[in-house]
């Protein structure tokens, strides 16, 4: 015989109504659900007396339902991209200009990219300049950061990451602004 959690056992001592008596009736709400009709039995004297003493409120008609328009509208949140749960530091080579889209996607996903430009520089210096200018404009447009790391590498960061730039001390007697890139 299989075990069934949903089957109710009938006990002879459950002859009394399933609803316990209430001293004060609850205020009706929109979510009030009426219990199904139970065959009429003579309630015990205590329950019958409590029912008679309770103040009677008119019950709403069963066909009377409030339209859904009276309920407050559910606020829909606009889709705000959540920050990534983890940020990765990835090293990638730049072999062709077509690699830029993959690099931009990685930065948009919140990853930091260290880009080695030497493979493309071996083919065309003009393509390297074009790629670096494109990545610079991209970093500016998303609020990210970009900087050169030595002669052959560039680091591109998402909006949540800033690159620290060391400022060298100004020579005595000169008050020129310092360059922003390392």
N, C-alpha and C. Protein backbone atom coordinates (compact mmCIF):
# COMPACT_ATOMS: atom_id res chain seq x y z
N UNK A 1 0.85 -1.18 0.00
CA UNK A 1 0.00 0.00 0.00
C UNK A 1 0.90 1.24 0.00
N UNK A 2 0.79 2.08 -1.01
CA UNK A 2 1.66 3.26 -1.08
C UNK A 2 1.27 4.30 -0.04
N UNK A 3 2.28 5.03 0.39
CA UNK A 3 2.07 6.06 1.40
C UNK A 3 1.57 7.33 0.71
N UNK A 4 0.44 7.86 1.16
CA UNK A 4 -0.14 9.03 0.52
C UNK A 4 -0.26 10.14 1.56
N UNK A 5 0.44 11.22 1.36
CA UNK A 5 0.39 12.34 2.29
C UNK A 5 -0.89 13.14 2.19
N UNK A 6 -1.55 13.05 1.06
CA UNK A 6 -2.70 13.90 0.83
C UNK A 6 -4.03 13.25 1.20
N UNK A 7 -4.03 12.03 1.57
CA UNK A 7 -5.26 11.33 1.94
C UNK A 7 -5.59 11.64 3.39
N UNK A 8 -6.81 12.04 3.65
CA UNK A 8 -7.24 12.33 5.01
C UNK A 8 -7.82 11.07 5.63
N UNK A 9 -7.47 10.89 6.89
CA UNK A 9 -8.04 9.77 7.64
C UNK A 9 -9.30 10.26 8.31
N UNK A 10 -10.30 9.42 8.35
CA UNK A 10 -11.56 9.79 9.00
C UNK A 10 -11.58 9.15 10.38
N UNK A 11 -11.73 10.00 11.36
CA UNK A 11 -11.80 9.54 12.74
C UNK A 11 -13.20 9.85 13.27
N UNK A 12 -13.74 8.96 14.07
CA UNK A 12 -15.08 9.22 14.61
C UNK A 12 -15.13 10.45 15.50
N UNK A 13 -14.03 10.84 16.15
CA UNK A 13 -14.09 12.00 17.04
C UNK A 13 -14.05 13.32 16.27
N UNK A 14 -13.95 13.30 14.96
CA UNK A 14 -13.97 14.52 14.17
C UNK A 14 -15.39 14.86 13.73
N UNK A 15 -16.32 14.67 14.57
CA UNK A 15 -17.72 14.97 14.27
C UNK A 15 -17.99 16.47 14.36
N UNK A 16 -17.16 17.20 15.13
CA UNK A 16 -17.38 18.64 15.29
C UNK A 16 -16.94 19.37 14.03
N UNK A 17 -17.44 20.57 13.79
CA UNK A 17 -17.07 21.31 12.58
C UNK A 17 -15.56 21.59 12.57
N UNK A 18 -15.00 21.70 11.36
CA UNK A 18 -13.57 21.89 11.20
C UNK A 18 -13.13 23.31 11.56
N UNK A 19 -14.03 24.28 11.58
CA UNK A 19 -13.68 25.66 11.86
C UNK A 19 -13.83 25.93 13.36
N UNK A 20 -12.78 26.36 14.05
CA UNK A 20 -12.91 26.65 15.47
C UNK A 20 -13.71 27.94 15.66
N UNK A 21 -14.37 28.08 16.78
CA UNK A 21 -15.17 29.29 17.01
C UNK A 21 -14.27 30.50 17.18
N UNK A 22 -14.74 31.65 16.69
CA UNK A 22 -13.99 32.89 16.82
C UNK A 22 -14.78 33.83 17.72
N UNK A 23 -14.03 34.53 18.58
CA UNK A 23 -14.71 35.47 19.48
C UNK A 23 -15.16 36.70 18.71
N UNK A 24 -14.32 37.21 17.83
CA UNK A 24 -14.69 38.34 17.00
C UNK A 24 -14.50 37.94 15.55
N UNK A 25 -15.46 38.24 14.72
CA UNK A 25 -15.29 37.86 13.31
C UNK A 25 -14.19 38.70 12.67
N UNK A 26 -13.44 38.09 11.81
CA UNK A 26 -12.37 38.79 11.11
C UNK A 26 -12.97 39.75 10.10
N UNK A 27 -12.26 40.83 9.85
CA UNK A 27 -12.72 41.81 8.88
C UNK A 27 -12.64 41.17 7.49
N UNK A 28 -13.67 41.30 6.69
CA UNK A 28 -13.61 40.69 5.36
C UNK A 28 -12.58 41.40 4.49
N UNK A 29 -11.86 40.64 3.73
CA UNK A 29 -10.88 41.20 2.81
C UNK A 29 -11.21 40.72 1.41
N UNK A 30 -10.46 41.25 0.44
CA UNK A 30 -10.68 40.84 -0.93
C UNK A 30 -10.28 39.39 -1.14
N UNK A 31 -9.39 38.89 -0.29
CA UNK A 31 -8.88 37.55 -0.47
C UNK A 31 -9.66 36.52 0.35
N UNK A 32 -10.77 36.93 0.98
CA UNK A 32 -11.55 36.02 1.79
C UNK A 32 -12.19 34.97 0.89
N UNK A 33 -12.04 33.71 1.27
CA UNK A 33 -12.61 32.62 0.50
C UNK A 33 -13.59 31.89 1.40
N UNK A 34 -14.77 31.66 0.88
CA UNK A 34 -15.76 30.97 1.69
C UNK A 34 -15.49 29.48 1.66
N UNK A 35 -15.73 28.85 2.81
CA UNK A 35 -15.53 27.41 2.92
C UNK A 35 -16.67 26.71 2.18
N UNK A 36 -16.40 25.52 1.64
CA UNK A 36 -17.46 24.79 0.96
C UNK A 36 -18.57 24.39 1.93
N UNK A 37 -19.76 24.28 1.39
CA UNK A 37 -20.91 23.96 2.24
C UNK A 37 -20.75 22.56 2.82
N UNK A 38 -21.05 22.45 4.12
CA UNK A 38 -20.96 21.18 4.83
C UNK A 38 -22.39 20.74 5.12
N UNK A 39 -22.69 19.48 5.05
CA UNK A 39 -24.05 19.03 5.36
C UNK A 39 -24.47 19.55 6.73
N UNK A 40 -25.69 20.03 6.80
CA UNK A 40 -26.18 20.65 8.03
C UNK A 40 -26.28 19.61 9.13
N UNK A 41 -25.58 19.89 10.22
CA UNK A 41 -25.65 19.07 11.42
C UNK A 41 -25.95 20.01 12.56
N UNK A 42 -26.45 19.51 13.57
CA UNK A 42 -26.75 20.31 14.76
C UNK A 42 -25.44 20.63 15.45
N UNK A 43 -25.01 21.93 15.46
CA UNK A 43 -23.75 22.26 16.12
C UNK A 43 -23.90 22.12 17.64
N UNK A 44 -22.81 21.88 18.30
CA UNK A 44 -22.89 21.83 19.76
C UNK A 44 -23.42 23.15 20.30
N UNK A 45 -23.95 23.11 21.49
CA UNK A 45 -24.60 24.28 22.09
C UNK A 45 -23.65 25.46 22.21
N UNK A 46 -22.39 25.25 22.57
CA UNK A 46 -21.46 26.36 22.75
C UNK A 46 -21.25 27.11 21.44
N UNK A 47 -21.09 26.36 20.35
CA UNK A 47 -20.85 26.99 19.06
C UNK A 47 -22.10 27.72 18.59
N UNK A 48 -23.24 27.12 18.76
CA UNK A 48 -24.49 27.76 18.36
C UNK A 48 -24.69 29.07 19.11
N UNK A 49 -24.35 29.10 20.40
CA UNK A 49 -24.51 30.31 21.19
C UNK A 49 -23.54 31.39 20.70
N UNK A 50 -22.29 31.03 20.38
CA UNK A 50 -21.32 32.00 19.90
C UNK A 50 -21.75 32.59 18.55
N UNK A 51 -22.32 31.76 17.70
CA UNK A 51 -22.76 32.23 16.40
C UNK A 51 -23.89 33.24 16.56
N UNK A 52 -24.80 32.98 17.49
CA UNK A 52 -25.93 33.89 17.70
C UNK A 52 -25.45 35.21 18.31
N UNK A 53 -24.44 35.19 19.18
CA UNK A 53 -23.98 36.40 19.85
C UNK A 53 -23.10 37.26 18.95
N UNK A 54 -22.45 36.67 17.95
CA UNK A 54 -21.55 37.41 17.07
C UNK A 54 -22.34 38.42 16.26
N UNK A 55 -21.81 39.64 16.12
CA UNK A 55 -22.52 40.63 15.29
C UNK A 55 -22.51 40.17 13.83
N UNK A 56 -23.64 40.31 13.22
CA UNK A 56 -23.79 39.86 11.84
C UNK A 56 -23.45 41.00 10.89
N UNK A 57 -22.57 40.72 9.94
CA UNK A 57 -22.24 41.68 8.89
C UNK A 57 -22.79 41.14 7.60
N UNK A 58 -23.29 42.00 6.78
CA UNK A 58 -23.80 41.49 5.51
C UNK A 58 -22.66 40.90 4.68
N UNK A 59 -22.91 39.72 4.21
CA UNK A 59 -21.91 39.05 3.37
C UNK A 59 -22.01 39.58 1.96
N UNK A 60 -20.89 39.75 1.27
CA UNK A 60 -20.97 40.24 -0.11
C UNK A 60 -21.63 39.19 -0.99
N UNK A 61 -22.34 39.68 -1.97
CA UNK A 61 -23.01 38.77 -2.89
C UNK A 61 -21.97 37.96 -3.65
N UNK A 62 -22.24 36.69 -3.92
CA UNK A 62 -21.23 35.87 -4.58
C UNK A 62 -20.88 36.35 -5.98
N UNK A 63 -21.77 37.04 -6.65
CA UNK A 63 -21.47 37.51 -8.01
C UNK A 63 -20.73 38.84 -7.98
N UNK A 64 -20.66 39.46 -6.81
CA UNK A 64 -20.02 40.76 -6.68
C UNK A 64 -18.52 40.58 -6.57
N UNK A 65 -17.78 41.00 -7.59
CA UNK A 65 -16.33 40.93 -7.57
C UNK A 65 -15.79 42.28 -7.99
N UNK A 66 -14.71 42.65 -7.37
CA UNK A 66 -14.09 43.92 -7.71
C UNK A 66 -13.30 43.74 -8.99
N UNK A 67 -13.37 44.69 -9.88
CA UNK A 67 -12.58 44.58 -11.11
C UNK A 67 -11.10 44.67 -10.80
N UNK A 68 -10.31 44.09 -11.67
CA UNK A 68 -8.87 44.08 -11.44
C UNK A 68 -8.26 45.46 -11.56
N UNK A 69 -8.97 46.38 -12.17
CA UNK A 69 -8.43 47.72 -12.36
C UNK A 69 -8.29 48.46 -11.03
N UNK A 70 -9.04 48.06 -9.99
CA UNK A 70 -8.95 48.75 -8.72
C UNK A 70 -7.71 48.34 -7.94
N UNK A 71 -7.10 47.23 -8.30
CA UNK A 71 -5.89 46.82 -7.63
C UNK A 71 -4.74 47.67 -8.13
N UNK A 72 -3.78 47.98 -7.24
CA UNK A 72 -2.66 48.82 -7.69
C UNK A 72 -1.87 48.08 -8.77
N UNK A 73 -1.41 48.81 -9.77
CA UNK A 73 -0.65 48.15 -10.84
C UNK A 73 0.68 47.61 -10.32
N UNK A 74 1.09 46.52 -10.88
CA UNK A 74 2.36 45.92 -10.50
C UNK A 74 3.46 46.70 -11.20
N UNK A 75 4.43 47.14 -10.39
CA UNK A 75 5.51 47.92 -10.97
C UNK A 75 6.47 46.99 -11.69
N UNK A 76 6.77 47.33 -12.91
CA UNK A 76 7.72 46.55 -13.67
C UNK A 76 9.05 47.28 -13.66
N UNK A 77 10.08 46.57 -13.26
CA UNK A 77 11.40 47.18 -13.21
C UNK A 77 12.02 47.12 -14.59
N UNK A 78 12.70 48.19 -14.93
CA UNK A 78 13.39 48.19 -16.20
C UNK A 78 14.61 47.29 -16.10
N UNK A 79 14.95 46.70 -17.20
CA UNK A 79 16.08 45.78 -17.21
C UNK A 79 17.37 46.57 -17.08
N UNK A 80 17.98 46.47 -15.92
CA UNK A 80 19.25 47.12 -15.66
C UNK A 80 20.30 46.03 -15.66
N UNK A 81 21.31 46.16 -16.49
CA UNK A 81 22.32 45.10 -16.48
C UNK A 81 23.00 45.03 -15.12
N UNK A 82 23.03 43.84 -14.58
CA UNK A 82 23.66 43.65 -13.28
C UNK A 82 25.17 43.55 -13.47
N UNK A 83 25.92 44.03 -12.49
CA UNK A 83 27.36 43.87 -12.62
C UNK A 83 27.70 42.38 -12.56
N UNK A 84 28.76 41.99 -13.25
CA UNK A 84 29.10 40.58 -13.26
C UNK A 84 29.44 40.09 -11.87
N UNK A 85 29.17 38.82 -11.62
CA UNK A 85 29.46 38.27 -10.31
C UNK A 85 30.97 38.16 -10.09
N UNK A 86 31.72 37.96 -11.17
CA UNK A 86 33.17 37.88 -11.08
C UNK A 86 33.77 38.66 -12.25
N UNK A 87 34.91 39.26 -12.00
CA UNK A 87 35.65 39.95 -13.04
C UNK A 87 36.91 39.14 -13.31
N UNK A 88 37.17 38.87 -14.57
CA UNK A 88 38.35 38.10 -14.95
C UNK A 88 39.36 39.01 -15.62
N UNK A 89 40.62 38.69 -15.45
CA UNK A 89 41.71 39.35 -16.13
C UNK A 89 42.15 38.40 -17.24
N UNK A 90 42.01 38.85 -18.49
CA UNK A 90 42.32 37.98 -19.62
C UNK A 90 43.42 38.60 -20.47
N UNK A 91 44.36 37.77 -20.89
CA UNK A 91 45.41 38.19 -21.80
C UNK A 91 45.05 37.65 -23.18
N UNK A 92 45.05 38.54 -24.17
CA UNK A 92 44.66 38.15 -25.52
C UNK A 92 45.62 38.78 -26.53
N UNK A 93 45.87 38.09 -27.63
CA UNK A 93 46.66 38.71 -28.69
C UNK A 93 45.73 39.42 -29.68
N UNK A 94 46.21 40.48 -30.29
CA UNK A 94 45.47 41.17 -31.35
C UNK A 94 46.14 40.79 -32.66
N UNK A 95 45.51 39.88 -33.39
CA UNK A 95 46.09 39.39 -34.65
C UNK A 95 45.54 40.13 -35.86
N UNK A 96 44.22 40.48 -35.78
CA UNK A 96 43.55 41.16 -36.90
C UNK A 96 42.60 42.20 -36.35
N UNK A 97 42.17 43.12 -37.18
CA UNK A 97 41.20 44.13 -36.75
C UNK A 97 39.85 43.49 -36.40
N UNK A 98 39.56 42.35 -36.97
CA UNK A 98 38.29 41.67 -36.67
C UNK A 98 38.25 41.13 -35.22
N UNK A 99 39.41 41.05 -34.57
CA UNK A 99 39.46 40.60 -33.17
C UNK A 99 38.89 41.64 -32.21
N UNK A 100 38.74 42.87 -32.68
CA UNK A 100 38.28 43.97 -31.80
C UNK A 100 36.88 43.72 -31.24
N UNK A 101 35.99 43.14 -32.03
CA UNK A 101 34.62 42.91 -31.55
C UNK A 101 34.61 41.95 -30.35
N UNK A 102 35.41 40.90 -30.41
CA UNK A 102 35.50 39.96 -29.28
C UNK A 102 36.08 40.63 -28.05
N UNK A 103 37.04 41.51 -28.24
CA UNK A 103 37.66 42.24 -27.12
C UNK A 103 36.63 43.18 -26.49
N UNK A 104 35.89 43.89 -27.31
CA UNK A 104 34.86 44.80 -26.80
C UNK A 104 33.78 44.04 -26.02
N UNK A 105 33.41 42.87 -26.51
CA UNK A 105 32.41 42.06 -25.83
C UNK A 105 32.90 41.63 -24.45
N UNK A 106 34.16 41.24 -24.38
CA UNK A 106 34.74 40.83 -23.08
C UNK A 106 34.72 41.99 -22.09
N UNK A 107 35.07 43.18 -22.55
CA UNK A 107 35.09 44.35 -21.66
C UNK A 107 33.66 44.71 -21.24
N UNK A 108 32.70 44.63 -22.17
CA UNK A 108 31.30 44.90 -21.82
C UNK A 108 30.79 43.91 -20.78
N UNK A 109 31.31 42.68 -20.80
CA UNK A 109 30.91 41.66 -19.82
C UNK A 109 31.60 41.86 -18.48
N UNK A 110 32.45 42.89 -18.37
CA UNK A 110 33.06 43.21 -17.08
C UNK A 110 34.46 42.66 -16.90
N UNK A 111 35.06 42.13 -17.93
CA UNK A 111 36.41 41.57 -17.81
C UNK A 111 37.47 42.60 -18.16
N UNK A 112 38.66 42.41 -17.60
CA UNK A 112 39.81 43.27 -17.89
C UNK A 112 40.65 42.55 -18.93
N UNK A 113 41.03 43.25 -19.97
CA UNK A 113 41.78 42.64 -21.06
C UNK A 113 43.18 43.25 -21.14
N UNK A 114 44.18 42.37 -21.15
CA UNK A 114 45.55 42.79 -21.45
C UNK A 114 45.79 42.32 -22.88
N UNK A 115 45.92 43.29 -23.75
CA UNK A 115 45.98 43.01 -25.18
C UNK A 115 47.41 43.14 -25.69
N UNK A 116 47.91 42.08 -26.29
CA UNK A 116 49.25 42.08 -26.89
C UNK A 116 49.09 42.46 -28.35
N UNK A 117 49.69 43.61 -28.75
CA UNK A 117 49.51 44.13 -30.11
C UNK A 117 50.62 43.71 -31.06
N UNK A 118 51.63 43.01 -30.56
CA UNK A 118 52.77 42.62 -31.39
C UNK A 118 52.38 41.81 -32.63
N UNK A 119 51.45 40.82 -32.53
CA UNK A 119 51.11 40.07 -33.75
C UNK A 119 50.58 40.95 -34.88
N UNK A 120 49.75 41.94 -34.57
CA UNK A 120 49.23 42.83 -35.61
C UNK A 120 50.30 43.84 -36.04
N UNK A 121 51.17 44.24 -35.11
CA UNK A 121 52.23 45.19 -35.45
C UNK A 121 53.20 44.60 -36.47
N UNK A 122 53.37 43.26 -36.44
CA UNK A 122 54.23 42.61 -37.43
C UNK A 122 53.66 42.71 -38.83
N UNK A 123 52.36 42.87 -38.94
CA UNK A 123 51.72 42.97 -40.27
C UNK A 123 51.60 44.42 -40.72
N UNK A 124 51.05 45.29 -39.82
CA UNK A 124 50.79 46.67 -40.23
C UNK A 124 50.73 47.58 -39.00
N UNK A 125 51.60 48.56 -38.95
CA UNK A 125 51.59 49.54 -37.87
C UNK A 125 50.34 50.42 -37.96
N UNK A 126 49.90 50.70 -39.17
CA UNK A 126 48.69 51.52 -39.36
C UNK A 126 47.47 50.82 -38.76
N UNK A 127 47.39 49.49 -38.90
CA UNK A 127 46.27 48.74 -38.31
C UNK A 127 46.32 48.80 -36.77
N UNK A 128 47.53 48.79 -36.23
CA UNK A 128 47.67 48.90 -34.76
C UNK A 128 47.15 50.26 -34.30
N UNK A 129 47.52 51.33 -35.00
CA UNK A 129 47.05 52.67 -34.64
C UNK A 129 45.53 52.75 -34.74
N UNK A 130 44.97 52.18 -35.80
CA UNK A 130 43.52 52.17 -35.98
C UNK A 130 42.84 51.41 -34.85
N UNK A 131 43.39 50.24 -34.49
CA UNK A 131 42.82 49.40 -33.43
C UNK A 131 42.88 50.10 -32.08
N UNK A 132 44.02 50.72 -31.78
CA UNK A 132 44.17 51.39 -30.48
C UNK A 132 43.24 52.60 -30.39
N UNK A 133 43.11 53.36 -31.48
CA UNK A 133 42.19 54.49 -31.47
C UNK A 133 40.74 54.02 -31.31
N UNK A 134 40.39 52.94 -31.98
CA UNK A 134 39.04 52.38 -31.85
C UNK A 134 38.77 51.91 -30.42
N UNK A 135 39.75 51.23 -29.82
CA UNK A 135 39.59 50.76 -28.44
C UNK A 135 39.54 51.94 -27.45
N UNK A 136 40.29 52.99 -27.74
CA UNK A 136 40.25 54.17 -26.88
C UNK A 136 38.86 54.82 -26.90
N UNK A 137 38.30 54.97 -28.10
CA UNK A 137 36.95 55.54 -28.22
C UNK A 137 35.91 54.63 -27.56
N UNK A 138 36.09 53.33 -27.70
CA UNK A 138 35.18 52.38 -27.05
C UNK A 138 35.23 52.50 -25.53
N UNK A 139 36.44 52.55 -24.98
CA UNK A 139 36.59 52.66 -23.53
C UNK A 139 35.97 53.96 -23.02
N UNK A 140 36.16 55.04 -23.75
CA UNK A 140 35.55 56.32 -23.37
C UNK A 140 34.02 56.23 -23.41
N UNK A 141 33.47 55.55 -24.43
CA UNK A 141 32.02 55.50 -24.59
C UNK A 141 31.33 54.70 -23.49
N UNK A 142 31.99 53.68 -22.96
CA UNK A 142 31.37 52.87 -21.89
C UNK A 142 31.77 53.35 -20.50
N UNK A 143 32.62 54.37 -20.43
CA UNK A 143 33.07 54.86 -19.13
C UNK A 143 34.17 54.01 -18.55
N UNK A 144 34.83 53.23 -19.39
CA UNK A 144 35.92 52.37 -18.94
C UNK A 144 37.24 53.11 -18.95
N UNK A 145 38.34 52.34 -18.95
CA UNK A 145 39.66 52.94 -18.92
C UNK A 145 40.59 52.13 -19.82
N UNK A 146 41.58 52.80 -20.39
CA UNK A 146 42.55 52.14 -21.27
C UNK A 146 43.90 52.79 -21.02
N UNK A 147 44.97 51.96 -21.06
CA UNK A 147 46.32 52.49 -20.87
C UNK A 147 47.31 51.56 -21.55
N UNK A 148 48.46 52.13 -21.86
CA UNK A 148 49.54 51.35 -22.47
C UNK A 148 50.37 50.70 -21.38
N UNK A 149 50.76 49.44 -21.60
CA UNK A 149 51.65 48.73 -20.69
C UNK A 149 52.92 48.40 -21.48
N UNK A 150 53.88 49.24 -21.41
CA UNK A 150 55.12 49.00 -22.16
C UNK A 150 54.94 49.26 -23.64
N UNK A 151 55.77 48.61 -24.45
CA UNK A 151 55.78 48.83 -25.89
C UNK A 151 54.80 47.97 -26.65
N UNK A 152 54.43 46.81 -26.10
CA UNK A 152 53.63 45.88 -26.89
C UNK A 152 52.29 45.49 -26.26
N UNK A 153 51.92 46.08 -25.15
CA UNK A 153 50.66 45.69 -24.50
C UNK A 153 49.80 46.92 -24.18
N UNK A 154 48.47 46.68 -24.19
CA UNK A 154 47.47 47.68 -23.83
C UNK A 154 46.50 47.00 -22.86
N UNK A 155 46.08 47.70 -21.83
CA UNK A 155 45.09 47.15 -20.90
C UNK A 155 43.80 47.95 -21.07
N UNK A 156 42.67 47.22 -21.17
CA UNK A 156 41.35 47.84 -21.33
C UNK A 156 40.49 47.34 -20.17
N UNK A 157 39.87 48.28 -19.45
CA UNK A 157 39.08 47.94 -18.27
C UNK A 157 37.63 48.38 -18.43
N UNK A 158 36.71 47.67 -17.79
CA UNK A 158 35.30 48.07 -17.83
C UNK A 158 35.05 49.27 -16.93
N UNK A 159 33.81 49.69 -16.89
CA UNK A 159 33.40 50.89 -16.15
C UNK A 159 33.73 50.80 -14.66
N UNK A 160 33.69 49.62 -14.09
CA UNK A 160 33.87 49.46 -12.64
C UNK A 160 35.33 49.46 -12.20
N UNK A 161 36.27 49.48 -13.14
CA UNK A 161 37.70 49.39 -12.83
C UNK A 161 38.42 50.64 -13.33
N UNK A 162 39.31 51.17 -12.51
CA UNK A 162 40.14 52.31 -12.89
C UNK A 162 41.60 51.88 -12.89
N UNK A 163 42.36 52.45 -13.79
CA UNK A 163 43.79 52.17 -13.89
C UNK A 163 44.54 53.26 -13.12
N UNK A 164 45.41 52.83 -12.21
CA UNK A 164 46.21 53.77 -11.44
C UNK A 164 47.39 54.19 -12.28
N UNK A 165 47.60 55.48 -12.34
CA UNK A 165 48.71 56.01 -13.10
C UNK A 165 49.64 56.75 -12.16
N UNK A 166 50.91 56.34 -12.18
CA UNK A 166 51.90 56.97 -11.30
C UNK A 166 52.31 58.30 -11.90
N UNK A 167 52.28 59.29 -11.08
CA UNK A 167 52.70 60.62 -11.54
C UNK A 167 54.13 60.83 -11.09
N UNK A 168 55.01 61.10 -12.03
CA UNK A 168 56.41 61.34 -11.67
C UNK A 168 56.54 62.77 -11.16
N UNK A 169 57.49 63.00 -10.25
CA UNK A 169 57.65 64.37 -9.72
C UNK A 169 58.11 65.33 -10.82
N UNK A 170 57.56 66.53 -10.79
CA UNK A 170 57.91 67.54 -11.80
C UNK A 170 59.31 68.07 -11.52
N UNK A 171 60.09 68.30 -12.57
CA UNK A 171 61.42 68.90 -12.36
C UNK A 171 61.28 70.29 -11.75
N UNK A 172 62.27 70.67 -10.98
CA UNK A 172 62.23 71.96 -10.29
C UNK A 172 62.21 73.09 -11.31
N UNK A 173 61.28 74.04 -11.11
CA UNK A 173 61.20 75.19 -11.98
C UNK A 173 60.22 75.01 -13.12
N UNK A 174 59.71 73.80 -13.36
CA UNK A 174 58.75 73.59 -14.44
C UNK A 174 57.39 73.29 -13.83
N UNK A 175 56.34 73.81 -14.44
CA UNK A 175 54.97 73.56 -13.94
C UNK A 175 54.08 73.08 -15.08
N UNK A 176 54.58 72.17 -15.89
CA UNK A 176 53.80 71.62 -16.99
C UNK A 176 52.92 70.49 -16.47
N UNK A 177 51.77 70.30 -17.09
CA UNK A 177 50.92 69.17 -16.67
C UNK A 177 51.57 67.82 -17.03
N UNK A 178 51.33 66.85 -16.19
CA UNK A 178 51.91 65.53 -16.39
C UNK A 178 51.06 64.71 -17.35
N UNK A 179 51.67 63.82 -18.13
CA UNK A 179 50.88 62.99 -19.03
C UNK A 179 50.02 62.02 -18.22
N UNK A 180 48.86 61.66 -18.76
CA UNK A 180 47.90 60.82 -18.04
C UNK A 180 48.16 59.33 -18.23
N UNK A 181 48.90 58.97 -19.25
CA UNK A 181 49.13 57.54 -19.48
C UNK A 181 50.52 57.15 -19.03
N UNK A 182 50.65 55.89 -18.68
CA UNK A 182 51.93 55.40 -18.18
C UNK A 182 52.83 54.99 -19.32
